[in-house]
Amino acid sequence: MEDILNWFHEYGYWAWWSFAVLLVILEIFSPTFFMLWLGIAAGVVGFAVLLIPGLSWELQWVLFAIISIVSIIAARAFLKKNPGVEDNQKLNQRGAQYVGRTFTLTEAIENGRGKVHVDDTFWSVSGPEMEVGQKVTVTGTDGVILVVEPTTNGGT
């Protein structure tokens, strides 16, 4: 431990900046954003040591601890208040992507089941009895089956 403290004392702000870079690199391999805030805190302490070269090592570590805690709390509060938006929230729910779209029946719905041609494949559908060629609108999904209703406005 004494060697580490001597290293920080000897190299000053460069030691803190190296520590910051190390923490950010560790963040790249980590599934959370925890190390990022520690790295930012280490970088800020490095700037403090650059501006105030006579800062004792004890004060440097206390400053690092305080900035780390404040940055983690601030980041958590910000992320809680501003949650990220996924690019495609239905990415792994392929059937849900078709809700609201209109298709033409390729197989009549009999006994509650039929088929539609969607993009490059055929999908099983469930709904009221309907004939081949009728326009249907997807209203939901039931597992891998599209739930459809007759299109009343001619379709889109």
N, C-alpha and C. Protein backbone atom coordinates (compact mmCIF):
# COMPACT_ATOMS: atom_id res chain seq x y z
N MET A 1 0.83 -1.20 0.00
CA MET A 1 0.00 0.00 0.00
C MET A 1 0.87 1.25 0.00
N GLU A 2 1.98 1.16 0.71
CA GLU A 2 2.88 2.31 0.79
C GLU A 2 3.47 2.65 -0.58
N ASP A 3 3.72 1.60 -1.39
CA ASP A 3 4.25 1.81 -2.74
C ASP A 3 3.25 2.59 -3.60
N ILE A 4 1.99 2.25 -3.46
CA ILE A 4 0.96 2.95 -4.23
C ILE A 4 0.89 4.41 -3.81
N LEU A 5 0.92 4.66 -2.51
CA LEU A 5 0.87 6.03 -2.02
C LEU A 5 2.09 6.82 -2.48
N ASN A 6 3.26 6.17 -2.46
CA ASN A 6 4.47 6.83 -2.95
C ASN A 6 4.37 7.14 -4.45
N TRP A 7 3.78 6.22 -5.19
CA TRP A 7 3.60 6.41 -6.62
C TRP A 7 2.72 7.63 -6.88
N PHE A 8 1.60 7.75 -6.16
CA PHE A 8 0.73 8.90 -6.32
C PHE A 8 1.43 10.19 -5.88
N HIS A 9 2.23 10.10 -4.82
CA HIS A 9 2.96 11.29 -4.34
C HIS A 9 4.04 11.71 -5.34
N GLU A 10 4.77 10.72 -5.87
CA GLU A 10 5.88 11.01 -6.78
C GLU A 10 5.42 11.55 -8.12
N TYR A 11 4.37 10.95 -8.69
CA TYR A 11 3.93 11.34 -10.03
C TYR A 11 2.78 12.34 -10.03
N GLY A 12 2.22 12.63 -8.89
CA GLY A 12 1.20 13.68 -8.75
C GLY A 12 0.01 13.51 -9.69
N TYR A 13 -0.26 14.56 -10.47
CA TYR A 13 -1.46 14.53 -11.33
C TYR A 13 -1.36 13.46 -12.41
N TRP A 14 -0.14 13.12 -12.86
CA TRP A 14 -0.02 12.06 -13.87
C TRP A 14 -0.48 10.72 -13.30
N ALA A 15 -0.23 10.47 -12.04
CA ALA A 15 -0.68 9.23 -11.41
C ALA A 15 -2.21 9.19 -11.39
N TRP A 16 -2.83 10.33 -11.04
CA TRP A 16 -4.29 10.36 -10.99
C TRP A 16 -4.88 10.20 -12.39
N TRP A 17 -4.28 10.83 -13.37
CA TRP A 17 -4.79 10.71 -14.73
C TRP A 17 -4.59 9.29 -15.27
N SER A 18 -3.49 8.65 -14.92
CA SER A 18 -3.27 7.25 -15.31
C SER A 18 -4.31 6.36 -14.64
N PHE A 19 -4.57 6.63 -13.37
CA PHE A 19 -5.59 5.89 -12.63
C PHE A 19 -6.96 6.09 -13.28
N ALA A 20 -7.25 7.32 -13.70
CA ALA A 20 -8.52 7.62 -14.37
C ALA A 20 -8.65 6.83 -15.67
N VAL A 21 -7.58 6.81 -16.45
CA VAL A 21 -7.60 6.06 -17.72
C VAL A 21 -7.80 4.57 -17.44
N LEU A 22 -7.11 4.04 -16.44
CA LEU A 22 -7.27 2.63 -16.08
C LEU A 22 -8.73 2.32 -15.70
N LEU A 23 -9.33 3.19 -14.91
CA LEU A 23 -10.72 2.97 -14.51
C LEU A 23 -11.68 3.03 -15.69
N VAL A 24 -11.44 3.94 -16.62
CA VAL A 24 -12.30 4.03 -17.81
C VAL A 24 -12.11 2.81 -18.69
N ILE A 25 -10.88 2.31 -18.80
CA ILE A 25 -10.65 1.08 -19.57
C ILE A 25 -11.36 -0.10 -18.91
N LEU A 26 -11.30 -0.18 -17.58
CA LEU A 26 -12.03 -1.23 -16.87
C LEU A 26 -13.54 -1.10 -17.11
N GLU A 27 -14.02 0.12 -17.23
CA GLU A 27 -15.45 0.35 -17.49
C GLU A 27 -15.87 -0.26 -18.82
N ILE A 28 -14.99 -0.22 -19.80
CA ILE A 28 -15.30 -0.78 -21.12
C ILE A 28 -15.63 -2.26 -21.00
N PHE A 29 -14.95 -2.96 -20.11
CA PHE A 29 -15.16 -4.39 -19.94
C PHE A 29 -16.17 -4.73 -18.86
N SER A 30 -16.79 -3.72 -18.29
CA SER A 30 -17.75 -3.90 -17.21
C SER A 30 -19.17 -3.70 -17.73
N PRO A 31 -20.15 -4.44 -17.22
CA PRO A 31 -21.52 -4.28 -17.70
C PRO A 31 -22.26 -3.11 -17.06
N THR A 32 -21.63 -2.38 -16.17
CA THR A 32 -22.28 -1.26 -15.50
C THR A 32 -21.55 0.03 -15.80
N PHE A 33 -22.11 1.15 -15.32
CA PHE A 33 -21.45 2.44 -15.49
C PHE A 33 -20.80 2.89 -14.20
N PHE A 34 -20.37 1.99 -13.35
CA PHE A 34 -19.83 2.34 -12.05
C PHE A 34 -18.40 2.89 -12.14
N MET A 35 -17.53 2.20 -12.87
CA MET A 35 -16.13 2.60 -12.95
C MET A 35 -15.96 3.94 -13.67
N LEU A 36 -16.88 4.26 -14.55
CA LEU A 36 -16.80 5.53 -15.28
C LEU A 36 -16.77 6.71 -14.32
N TRP A 37 -17.64 6.68 -13.32
CA TRP A 37 -17.72 7.79 -12.37
C TRP A 37 -16.49 7.86 -11.48
N LEU A 38 -15.93 6.71 -11.15
CA LEU A 38 -14.67 6.70 -10.40
C LEU A 38 -13.53 7.26 -11.25
N GLY A 39 -13.54 6.90 -12.53
CA GLY A 39 -12.53 7.43 -13.44
C GLY A 39 -12.64 8.94 -13.59
N ILE A 40 -13.86 9.43 -13.68
CA ILE A 40 -14.06 10.88 -13.77
C ILE A 40 -13.56 11.55 -12.49
N ALA A 41 -13.88 10.95 -11.35
CA ALA A 41 -13.42 11.51 -10.07
C ALA A 41 -11.89 11.53 -10.01
N ALA A 42 -11.24 10.47 -10.48
CA ALA A 42 -9.77 10.43 -10.47
C ALA A 42 -9.21 11.52 -11.39
N GLY A 43 -9.85 11.73 -12.53
CA GLY A 43 -9.42 12.79 -13.44
C GLY A 43 -9.56 14.17 -12.82
N VAL A 44 -10.65 14.40 -12.09
CA VAL A 44 -10.86 15.68 -11.42
C VAL A 44 -9.81 15.89 -10.33
N VAL A 45 -9.50 14.84 -9.58
CA VAL A 45 -8.46 14.95 -8.55
C VAL A 45 -7.11 15.25 -9.22
N GLY A 46 -6.87 14.64 -10.39
CA GLY A 46 -5.64 14.94 -11.13
C GLY A 46 -5.54 16.42 -11.47
N PHE A 47 -6.66 17.01 -11.91
CA PHE A 47 -6.65 18.45 -12.19
C PHE A 47 -6.44 19.27 -10.91
N ALA A 48 -7.03 18.81 -9.81
CA ALA A 48 -6.84 19.52 -8.54
C ALA A 48 -5.37 19.48 -8.12
N VAL A 49 -4.72 18.33 -8.30
CA VAL A 49 -3.30 18.22 -7.95
C VAL A 49 -2.45 19.07 -8.90
N LEU A 50 -2.85 19.17 -10.16
CA LEU A 50 -2.15 20.02 -11.11
C LEU A 50 -2.24 21.49 -10.68
N LEU A 51 -3.42 21.90 -10.24
CA LEU A 51 -3.63 23.30 -9.83
C LEU A 51 -3.05 23.59 -8.45
N ILE A 52 -3.10 22.60 -7.57
CA ILE A 52 -2.58 22.76 -6.19
C ILE A 52 -1.57 21.65 -5.94
N PRO A 53 -0.32 21.84 -6.38
CA PRO A 53 0.67 20.75 -6.29
C PRO A 53 0.99 20.29 -4.88
N GLY A 54 0.81 21.11 -3.87
CA GLY A 54 1.17 20.74 -2.51
C GLY A 54 0.07 20.00 -1.77
N LEU A 55 -0.96 19.55 -2.45
CA LEU A 55 -2.08 18.86 -1.82
C LEU A 55 -1.59 17.55 -1.20
N SER A 56 -1.87 17.35 0.07
CA SER A 56 -1.40 16.13 0.75
C SER A 56 -2.11 14.90 0.17
N TRP A 57 -1.45 13.74 0.28
CA TRP A 57 -2.04 12.53 -0.27
C TRP A 57 -3.33 12.16 0.44
N GLU A 58 -3.42 12.48 1.74
CA GLU A 58 -4.65 12.20 2.49
C GLU A 58 -5.82 12.99 1.92
N LEU A 59 -5.55 14.29 1.66
CA LEU A 59 -6.59 15.16 1.12
C LEU A 59 -6.97 14.74 -0.30
N GLN A 60 -6.00 14.28 -1.06
CA GLN A 60 -6.27 13.80 -2.42
C GLN A 60 -7.24 12.62 -2.39
N TRP A 61 -7.01 11.67 -1.49
CA TRP A 61 -7.87 10.49 -1.41
C TRP A 61 -9.25 10.84 -0.86
N VAL A 62 -9.31 11.76 0.08
CA VAL A 62 -10.61 12.21 0.60
C VAL A 62 -11.38 12.90 -0.51
N LEU A 63 -10.68 13.74 -1.28
CA LEU A 63 -11.30 14.42 -2.41
C LEU A 63 -11.81 13.41 -3.44
N PHE A 64 -10.99 12.39 -3.71
CA PHE A 64 -11.40 11.33 -4.63
C PHE A 64 -12.65 10.63 -4.13
N ALA A 65 -12.69 10.31 -2.86
CA ALA A 65 -13.86 9.61 -2.29
C ALA A 65 -15.11 10.48 -2.38
N ILE A 66 -14.98 11.75 -2.03
CA ILE A 66 -16.14 12.65 -2.05
C ILE A 66 -16.65 12.84 -3.48
N ILE A 67 -15.74 13.10 -4.42
CA ILE A 67 -16.16 13.30 -5.81
C ILE A 67 -16.76 12.03 -6.38
N SER A 68 -16.21 10.88 -6.03
CA SER A 68 -16.76 9.59 -6.49
C SER A 68 -18.19 9.42 -6.02
N ILE A 69 -18.41 9.62 -4.73
CA ILE A 69 -19.75 9.44 -4.17
C ILE A 69 -20.73 10.43 -4.78
N VAL A 70 -20.32 11.69 -4.89
CA VAL A 70 -21.21 12.71 -5.46
C VAL A 70 -21.53 12.39 -6.92
N SER A 71 -20.52 11.98 -7.69
CA SER A 71 -20.77 11.70 -9.11
C SER A 71 -21.67 10.47 -9.29
N ILE A 72 -21.49 9.46 -8.45
CA ILE A 72 -22.34 8.26 -8.55
C ILE A 72 -23.78 8.61 -8.19
N ILE A 73 -23.97 9.35 -7.12
CA ILE A 73 -25.32 9.75 -6.71
C ILE A 73 -25.97 10.64 -7.77
N ALA A 74 -25.21 11.59 -8.30
CA ALA A 74 -25.75 12.49 -9.33
C ALA A 74 -26.11 11.71 -10.60
N ALA A 75 -25.26 10.78 -11.00
CA ALA A 75 -25.54 9.98 -12.20
C ALA A 75 -26.76 9.11 -12.01
N ARG A 76 -26.88 8.48 -10.85
CA ARG A 76 -28.06 7.63 -10.59
C ARG A 76 -29.33 8.45 -10.59
N ALA A 77 -29.28 9.64 -9.98
CA ALA A 77 -30.46 10.51 -9.96
C ALA A 77 -30.83 10.95 -11.37
N PHE A 78 -29.83 11.33 -12.16
CA PHE A 78 -30.08 11.76 -13.53
C PHE A 78 -30.67 10.63 -14.36
N LEU A 79 -30.06 9.44 -14.28
CA LEU A 79 -30.53 8.31 -15.08
C LEU A 79 -31.91 7.83 -14.64
N LYS A 80 -32.21 7.98 -13.37
CA LYS A 80 -33.53 7.59 -12.88
C LYS A 80 -34.60 8.56 -13.42
N LYS A 81 -34.22 9.84 -13.46
CA LYS A 81 -35.15 10.87 -13.93
C LYS A 81 -35.26 10.86 -15.45
N ASN A 82 -34.20 10.48 -16.16
CA ASN A 82 -34.15 10.48 -17.62
C ASN A 82 -33.75 9.11 -18.14
N PRO A 83 -34.67 8.14 -18.08
CA PRO A 83 -34.29 6.81 -18.55
C PRO A 83 -34.05 6.83 -20.06
N GLY A 84 -33.12 6.01 -20.49
CA GLY A 84 -32.82 5.93 -21.92
C GLY A 84 -33.97 5.28 -22.67
N VAL A 85 -34.01 5.54 -23.95
CA VAL A 85 -35.04 4.96 -24.81
C VAL A 85 -34.37 3.94 -25.72
N GLU A 86 -34.91 2.76 -25.76
CA GLU A 86 -34.37 1.74 -26.64
C GLU A 86 -34.66 2.11 -28.08
N ASP A 87 -33.74 1.76 -28.96
CA ASP A 87 -33.94 2.05 -30.38
C ASP A 87 -35.14 1.29 -30.93
N ASN A 88 -35.26 0.03 -30.57
CA ASN A 88 -36.37 -0.77 -31.07
C ASN A 88 -36.85 -1.66 -29.93
N GLN A 89 -37.87 -1.21 -29.24
CA GLN A 89 -38.34 -1.93 -28.05
C GLN A 89 -38.99 -3.26 -28.40
N LYS A 90 -39.32 -3.48 -29.67
CA LYS A 90 -39.96 -4.74 -30.08
C LYS A 90 -39.00 -5.61 -30.88
N LEU A 91 -37.72 -5.40 -30.72
CA LEU A 91 -36.73 -6.10 -31.51
C LEU A 91 -36.88 -7.62 -31.41
N ASN A 92 -37.05 -8.14 -30.21
CA ASN A 92 -37.16 -9.59 -30.02
C ASN A 92 -38.60 -10.05 -29.93
N GLN A 93 -39.53 -9.22 -30.34
CA GLN A 93 -40.95 -9.57 -30.36
C GLN A 93 -41.44 -9.31 -31.78
N ARG A 94 -41.01 -10.17 -32.68
CA ARG A 94 -41.26 -9.93 -34.09
C ARG A 94 -42.74 -9.74 -34.41
N GLY A 95 -43.60 -10.56 -33.82
CA GLY A 95 -45.03 -10.43 -34.09
C GLY A 95 -45.58 -9.09 -33.65
N ALA A 96 -45.08 -8.56 -32.54
CA ALA A 96 -45.56 -7.27 -32.03
C ALA A 96 -45.24 -6.14 -32.99
N GLN A 97 -44.23 -6.32 -33.84
CA GLN A 97 -43.88 -5.30 -34.82
C GLN A 97 -44.97 -5.11 -35.87
N TYR A 98 -45.84 -6.11 -36.03
CA TYR A 98 -46.86 -6.07 -37.06
C TYR A 98 -48.21 -5.53 -36.58
N VAL A 99 -48.33 -5.26 -35.29
CA VAL A 99 -49.59 -4.75 -34.75
C VAL A 99 -49.91 -3.42 -35.43
N GLY A 100 -51.13 -3.32 -35.95
CA GLY A 100 -51.58 -2.11 -36.64
C GLY A 100 -51.43 -2.20 -38.15
N ARG A 101 -50.65 -3.16 -38.64
CA ARG A 101 -50.47 -3.30 -40.09
C ARG A 101 -51.61 -4.11 -40.69
N THR A 102 -51.84 -3.90 -41.96
CA THR A 102 -52.92 -4.58 -42.69
C THR A 102 -52.32 -5.53 -43.71
N PHE A 103 -52.89 -6.74 -43.78
CA PHE A 103 -52.43 -7.76 -44.71
C PHE A 103 -53.63 -8.41 -45.38
N THR A 104 -53.35 -9.20 -46.42
CA THR A 104 -54.40 -9.93 -47.12
C THR A 104 -54.30 -11.41 -46.74
N LEU A 105 -55.45 -12.00 -46.44
CA LEU A 105 -55.46 -13.42 -46.08
C LEU A 105 -55.05 -14.27 -47.27
N THR A 106 -54.11 -15.19 -47.07
CA THR A 106 -53.71 -16.13 -48.11
C THR A 106 -54.35 -17.49 -47.88
N GLU A 107 -54.86 -17.68 -46.67
CA GLU A 107 -55.58 -18.90 -46.32
C GLU A 107 -56.76 -18.47 -45.46
N ALA A 108 -57.93 -18.91 -45.80
CA ALA A 108 -59.14 -18.51 -45.08
C ALA A 108 -59.03 -18.84 -43.60
N ILE A 109 -59.66 -18.00 -42.79
CA ILE A 109 -59.70 -18.30 -41.36
C ILE A 109 -60.90 -19.20 -41.12
N GLU A 110 -60.60 -20.45 -40.77
CA GLU A 110 -61.62 -21.45 -40.46
C GLU A 110 -61.30 -22.02 -39.09
N ASN A 111 -62.32 -22.17 -38.28
CA ASN A 111 -62.14 -22.65 -36.90
C ASN A 111 -61.14 -21.76 -36.14
N GLY A 112 -61.14 -20.48 -36.48
CA GLY A 112 -60.33 -19.52 -35.77
C GLY A 112 -58.90 -19.38 -36.25
N ARG A 113 -58.46 -20.18 -37.28
CA ARG A 113 -57.07 -20.12 -37.74
C ARG A 113 -57.01 -19.93 -39.26
N GLY A 114 -56.00 -19.15 -39.69
CA GLY A 114 -55.74 -18.92 -41.10
C GLY A 114 -54.30 -18.48 -41.28
N LYS A 115 -53.99 -17.91 -42.47
CA LYS A 115 -52.61 -17.47 -42.73
C LYS A 115 -52.62 -16.19 -43.55
N VAL A 116 -51.54 -15.40 -43.31
CA VAL A 116 -51.29 -14.20 -44.11
C VAL A 116 -49.84 -14.23 -44.57
N HIS A 117 -49.58 -13.55 -45.68
CA HIS A 117 -48.20 -13.41 -46.16
C HIS A 117 -47.68 -12.08 -45.65
N VAL A 118 -46.63 -12.14 -44.82
CA VAL A 118 -46.04 -10.95 -44.22
C VAL A 118 -44.59 -10.87 -44.68
N ASP A 119 -44.29 -9.81 -45.42
CA ASP A 119 -42.95 -9.59 -45.93
C ASP A 119 -42.44 -10.82 -46.67
N ASP A 120 -41.57 -11.63 -46.07
CA ASP A 120 -40.99 -12.77 -46.77
C ASP A 120 -41.43 -14.12 -46.20
N THR A 121 -42.48 -14.14 -45.39
CA THR A 121 -42.88 -15.40 -44.76
C THR A 121 -44.39 -15.42 -44.55
N PHE A 122 -44.89 -16.59 -44.20
CA PHE A 122 -46.31 -16.74 -43.89
C PHE A 122 -46.47 -16.83 -42.37
N TRP A 123 -47.50 -16.17 -41.88
CA TRP A 123 -47.79 -16.18 -40.45
C TRP A 123 -49.16 -16.78 -40.22
N SER A 124 -49.26 -17.57 -39.15
CA SER A 124 -50.57 -18.06 -38.73
C SER A 124 -51.30 -16.92 -38.05
N VAL A 125 -52.62 -16.87 -38.30
CA VAL A 125 -53.43 -15.82 -37.69
C VAL A 125 -54.63 -16.46 -37.01
N SER A 126 -55.17 -15.73 -36.05
CA SER A 126 -56.41 -16.15 -35.42
C SER A 126 -57.38 -14.99 -35.47
N GLY A 127 -58.64 -15.32 -35.64
CA GLY A 127 -59.66 -14.29 -35.72
C GLY A 127 -60.99 -14.89 -36.15
N PRO A 128 -61.96 -14.03 -36.46
CA PRO A 128 -63.27 -14.53 -36.90
C PRO A 128 -63.17 -15.15 -38.29
N GLU A 129 -64.15 -15.97 -38.63
CA GLU A 129 -64.19 -16.63 -39.94
C GLU A 129 -64.14 -15.59 -41.06
N MET A 130 -63.21 -15.77 -42.01
CA MET A 130 -63.05 -14.87 -43.15
C MET A 130 -62.54 -15.66 -44.34
N GLU A 131 -62.79 -15.12 -45.55
CA GLU A 131 -62.40 -15.77 -46.79
C GLU A 131 -61.02 -15.33 -47.25
N VAL A 132 -60.42 -16.14 -48.13
CA VAL A 132 -59.13 -15.80 -48.74
C VAL A 132 -59.28 -14.48 -49.49
N GLY A 133 -58.25 -13.64 -49.43
CA GLY A 133 -58.25 -12.36 -50.14
C GLY A 133 -58.79 -11.19 -49.33
N GLN A 134 -59.40 -11.48 -48.18
CA GLN A 134 -59.93 -10.40 -47.35
C GLN A 134 -58.81 -9.68 -46.64
N LYS A 135 -58.95 -8.36 -46.48
CA LYS A 135 -57.96 -7.56 -45.76
C LYS A 135 -58.20 -7.70 -44.27
N VAL A 136 -57.09 -7.90 -43.52
CA VAL A 136 -57.17 -8.00 -42.07
C VAL A 136 -56.14 -7.08 -41.44
N THR A 137 -56.45 -6.60 -40.24
CA THR A 137 -55.53 -5.75 -39.50
C THR A 137 -55.10 -6.50 -38.25
N VAL A 138 -53.79 -6.50 -37.99
CA VAL A 138 -53.25 -7.18 -36.82
C VAL A 138 -53.54 -6.32 -35.60
N THR A 139 -54.20 -6.93 -34.60
CA THR A 139 -54.55 -6.19 -33.38
C THR A 139 -53.75 -6.64 -32.17
N GLY A 140 -53.01 -7.73 -32.32
CA GLY A 140 -52.21 -8.23 -31.20
C GLY A 140 -51.52 -9.52 -31.57
N THR A 141 -50.90 -10.14 -30.57
CA THR A 141 -50.23 -11.42 -30.79
C THR A 141 -50.62 -12.37 -29.67
N ASP A 142 -50.56 -13.65 -30.01
CA ASP A 142 -50.75 -14.71 -29.03
C ASP A 142 -49.62 -15.70 -29.25
N GLY A 143 -48.49 -15.43 -28.61
CA GLY A 143 -47.29 -16.22 -28.88
C GLY A 143 -46.78 -15.87 -30.26
N VAL A 144 -46.76 -16.90 -31.16
CA VAL A 144 -46.30 -16.67 -32.53
C VAL A 144 -47.46 -16.54 -33.51
N ILE A 145 -48.65 -16.39 -33.00
CA ILE A 145 -49.84 -16.25 -33.85
C ILE A 145 -50.31 -14.80 -33.80
N LEU A 146 -50.56 -14.24 -34.98
CA LEU A 146 -51.06 -12.87 -35.07
C LEU A 146 -52.58 -12.88 -34.86
N VAL A 147 -53.07 -12.00 -34.03
CA VAL A 147 -54.50 -11.87 -33.79
C VAL A 147 -54.99 -10.77 -34.75
N VAL A 148 -56.01 -11.11 -35.58
CA VAL A 148 -56.45 -10.17 -36.60
C VAL A 148 -57.95 -9.92 -36.52
N GLU A 149 -58.35 -8.81 -37.12
CA GLU A 149 -59.77 -8.46 -37.28
C GLU A 149 -59.96 -8.00 -38.72
N PRO A 150 -61.18 -8.10 -39.23
CA PRO A 150 -61.41 -7.60 -40.59
C PRO A 150 -61.12 -6.10 -40.65
N THR A 151 -60.50 -5.68 -41.74
CA THR A 151 -60.22 -4.27 -41.94
C THR A 151 -61.48 -3.59 -42.41
N THR A 152 -61.88 -2.54 -41.70
CA THR A 152 -63.14 -1.86 -42.04
C THR A 152 -62.92 -0.67 -42.94
N ASN A 153 -61.73 -0.11 -43.01
CA ASN A 153 -61.51 1.09 -43.80
C ASN A 153 -60.79 0.82 -45.10
N GLY A 154 -60.71 -0.41 -45.53
CA GLY A 154 -60.08 -0.73 -46.79
C GLY A 154 -58.60 -1.02 -46.69
N GLY A 155 -58.00 -0.81 -45.53
CA GLY A 155 -56.60 -1.15 -45.31
C GLY A 155 -55.65 -0.05 -45.72
N THR A 156 -54.39 -0.24 -45.33
CA THR A 156 -53.36 0.74 -45.68
C THR A 156 -52.22 0.09 -46.40
